[in-house]
C-alpha atoms as a PDB file:
ATOM      1  CA  MET A   1     -11.162   5.651  16.123  1.00  0.00           C
ATOM      2  CA  ALA A   2      -8.614   6.695  13.525  1.00  0.00           C
ATOM      3  CA  THR A   3      -9.803   8.597  10.478  1.00  0.00           C
ATOM      4  CA  GLU A   4      -8.920   7.497   6.968  1.00  0.00           C
ATOM      5  CA  ALA A   5      -6.494  10.440   6.761  1.00  0.00           C
ATOM      6  CA  GLU A   6      -4.753   9.336   9.974  1.00  0.00           C
ATOM      7  CA  ILE A   7      -4.562   5.737   8.759  1.00  0.00           C
ATOM      8  CA  THR A   8      -3.159   6.915   5.422  1.00  0.00           C
ATOM      9  CA  ALA A   9      -0.501   8.983   7.210  1.00  0.00           C
ATOM     10  CA  THR A  10       0.493   6.025   9.395  1.00  0.00           C
ATOM     11  CA  LEU A  11       0.595   3.700   6.389  1.00  0.00           C
ATOM     12  CA  GLY A  12       2.750   6.292   4.618  1.00  0.00           C
ATOM     13  CA  GLY A  13       5.351   5.826   7.351  1.00  0.00           C
ATOM     14  CA  ILE A  14       5.111   2.055   7.067  1.00  0.00           C
ATOM     15  CA  PHE A  15       5.527   2.173   3.284  1.00  0.00           C
ATOM     16  CA  ALA A  16       8.498   4.558   3.597  1.00  0.00           C
ATOM     17  CA  GLU A  17      10.166   2.159   6.012  1.00  0.00           C
ATOM     18  CA  VAL A  18       9.465  -0.923   3.888  1.00  0.00           C
ATOM     19  CA  PHE A  19      10.553   0.650   0.582  1.00  0.00           C
ATOM     20  CA  GLY A  20      13.283   2.949   1.911  1.00  0.00           C
ATOM     21  CA  ARG A  21      11.668   5.941   0.234  1.00  0.00           C
ATOM     22  CA  GLU A  22       8.512   8.006   0.391  1.00  0.00           C
ATOM     23  CA  ILE A  23       5.606   6.525  -1.549  1.00  0.00           C
ATOM     24  CA  PRO A  24       2.734   8.968  -2.199  1.00  0.00           C
ATOM     25  CA  LEU A  25      -0.274   6.914  -1.119  1.00  0.00           C
ATOM     26  CA  HIS A  26      -3.734   7.192  -2.621  1.00  0.00           C
ATOM     27  CA  PRO A  27      -6.673   4.784  -2.460  1.00  0.00           C
ATOM     28  CA  GLY A  28      -6.161   3.366  -5.957  1.00  0.00           C
ATOM     29  CA  LEU A  29      -2.449   2.619  -5.519  1.00  0.00           C
ATOM     30  CA  GLY A  30      -1.606  -1.064  -5.925  1.00  0.00           C
ATOM     31  CA  ALA A  31       1.455  -3.277  -6.198  1.00  0.00           C
ATOM     32  CA  LYS A  32       1.598  -2.894  -9.975  1.00  0.00           C
ATOM     33  CA  ASP A  33       2.067   0.877  -9.523  1.00  0.00           C
ATOM     34  CA  VAL A  34       5.149   0.706  -7.280  1.00  0.00           C
ATOM     35  CA  PRO A  35       8.448  -0.695  -8.563  1.00  0.00           C
ATOM     36  CA  GLY A  36       9.725  -3.312  -6.163  1.00  0.00           C
ATOM     37  CA  TRP A  37       6.354  -4.061  -4.550  1.00  0.00           C
ATOM     38  CA  ASP A  38       6.498  -7.825  -4.631  1.00  0.00           C
ATOM     39  CA  SER A  39       5.077 -10.538  -2.389  1.00  0.00           C
ATOM     40  CA  PHE A  40       7.869 -10.079   0.155  1.00  0.00           C
ATOM     41  CA  LYS A  41       7.189  -6.342   0.435  1.00  0.00           C
ATOM     42  CA  GLN A  42       3.476  -7.123   0.766  1.00  0.00           C
ATOM     43  CA  ILE A  43       4.229  -9.389   3.740  1.00  0.00           C
ATOM     44  CA  GLU A  44       6.378  -6.671   5.328  1.00  0.00           C
ATOM     45  CA  ILE A  45       3.584  -4.109   4.871  1.00  0.00           C
ATOM     46  CA  ILE A  46       0.996  -6.453   6.396  1.00  0.00           C
ATOM     47  CA  MET A  47       3.194  -7.438   9.340  1.00  0.00           C
ATOM     48  CA  ALA A  48       4.108  -3.821  10.115  1.00  0.00           C
ATOM     49  CA  THR A  49       0.457  -2.764   9.863  1.00  0.00           C
ATOM     50  CA  GLU A  50      -0.645  -5.561  12.189  1.00  0.00           C
ATOM     51  CA  GLU A  51       2.042  -4.615  14.692  1.00  0.00           C
ATOM     52  CA  THR A  52       1.335  -0.881  14.504  1.00  0.00           C
ATOM     53  CA  TYR A  53      -2.408  -1.270  15.036  1.00  0.00           C
ATOM     54  CA  ALA A  54      -2.263  -4.411  17.239  1.00  0.00           C
ATOM     55  CA  ILE A  55      -4.618  -6.214  14.832  1.00  0.00           C
ATOM     56  CA  ARG A  56      -4.580  -9.437  12.827  1.00  0.00           C
ATOM     57  CA  PHE A  57      -5.843  -9.893   9.282  1.00  0.00           C
ATOM     58  CA  SER A  58      -7.803 -12.984   8.309  1.00  0.00           C
ATOM     59  CA  THR A  59      -6.965 -14.900   5.149  1.00  0.00           C
ATOM     60  CA  ARG A  60     -10.152 -13.571   3.562  1.00  0.00           C
ATOM     61  CA  GLU A  61      -9.157  -9.983   4.378  1.00  0.00           C
ATOM     62  CA  LEU A  62      -5.662 -10.516   2.984  1.00  0.00           C
ATOM     63  CA  ASP A  63      -7.111 -11.958  -0.225  1.00  0.00           C
ATOM     64  CA  SER A  64      -9.302  -8.858  -0.608  1.00  0.00           C
ATOM     65  CA  LEU A  65      -6.397  -6.391  -0.490  1.00  0.00           C
ATOM     66  CA  GLN A  66      -5.887  -5.094  -4.011  1.00  0.00           C
ATOM     67  CA  SER A  67      -5.066  -1.451  -3.241  1.00  0.00           C
ATOM     68  CA  VAL A  68      -4.088   0.960  -0.503  1.00  0.00           C
ATOM     69  CA  GLY A  69      -7.758   1.944  -0.275  1.00  0.00           C
ATOM     70  CA  ASP A  70      -8.661  -1.665   0.543  1.00  0.00           C
ATOM     71  CA  LEU A  71      -6.010  -1.734   3.274  1.00  0.00           C
ATOM     72  CA  ILE A  72      -7.275   1.543   4.736  1.00  0.00           C
ATOM     73  CA  ARG A  73     -10.865   0.241   4.840  1.00  0.00           C
ATOM     74  CA  VAL A  74      -9.880  -3.014   6.560  1.00  0.00           C
ATOM     75  CA  VAL A  75      -7.728  -1.198   9.138  1.00  0.00           C
ATOM     76  CA  ALA A  76     -10.521   1.322   9.771  1.00  0.00           C
ATOM     77  CA  GLY A  77     -12.997  -1.521  10.283  1.00  0.00           C
ATOM     78  CA  LYS A  78     -10.708  -3.304  12.723  1.00  0.00           C
ATOM     79  CA  THR A  79      -9.767  -0.216  14.722  1.00  0.00           C
ATOM     80  CA  GLY A  80     -13.221   1.360  14.801  1.00  0.00           C
END
C-alpha cells in the first residue's frame, strides 16, 4: 500500500508531465490555484493517474475531486 507521501510524489510527476512544469502539490491545491488547469488538463491528470495505478475512477469519485487532497484519498483507497 502506498503512503500519502508516495502518492503525492507520484502525482507530482504526473502533474509535471501534464503541465510541462513542476507544480508544488499540497492537499488544498485545486484547479483555481493553477493557471492553465482546465477541464482538458483535468482529464489528462485523471487518465494518467488511472494508468499509473491501474485503477478506474467512478463518476461519483470524479465528481468528488475538488483538490489534490481528494485525489490522494481516492487513490489511497483504491490502492490500499
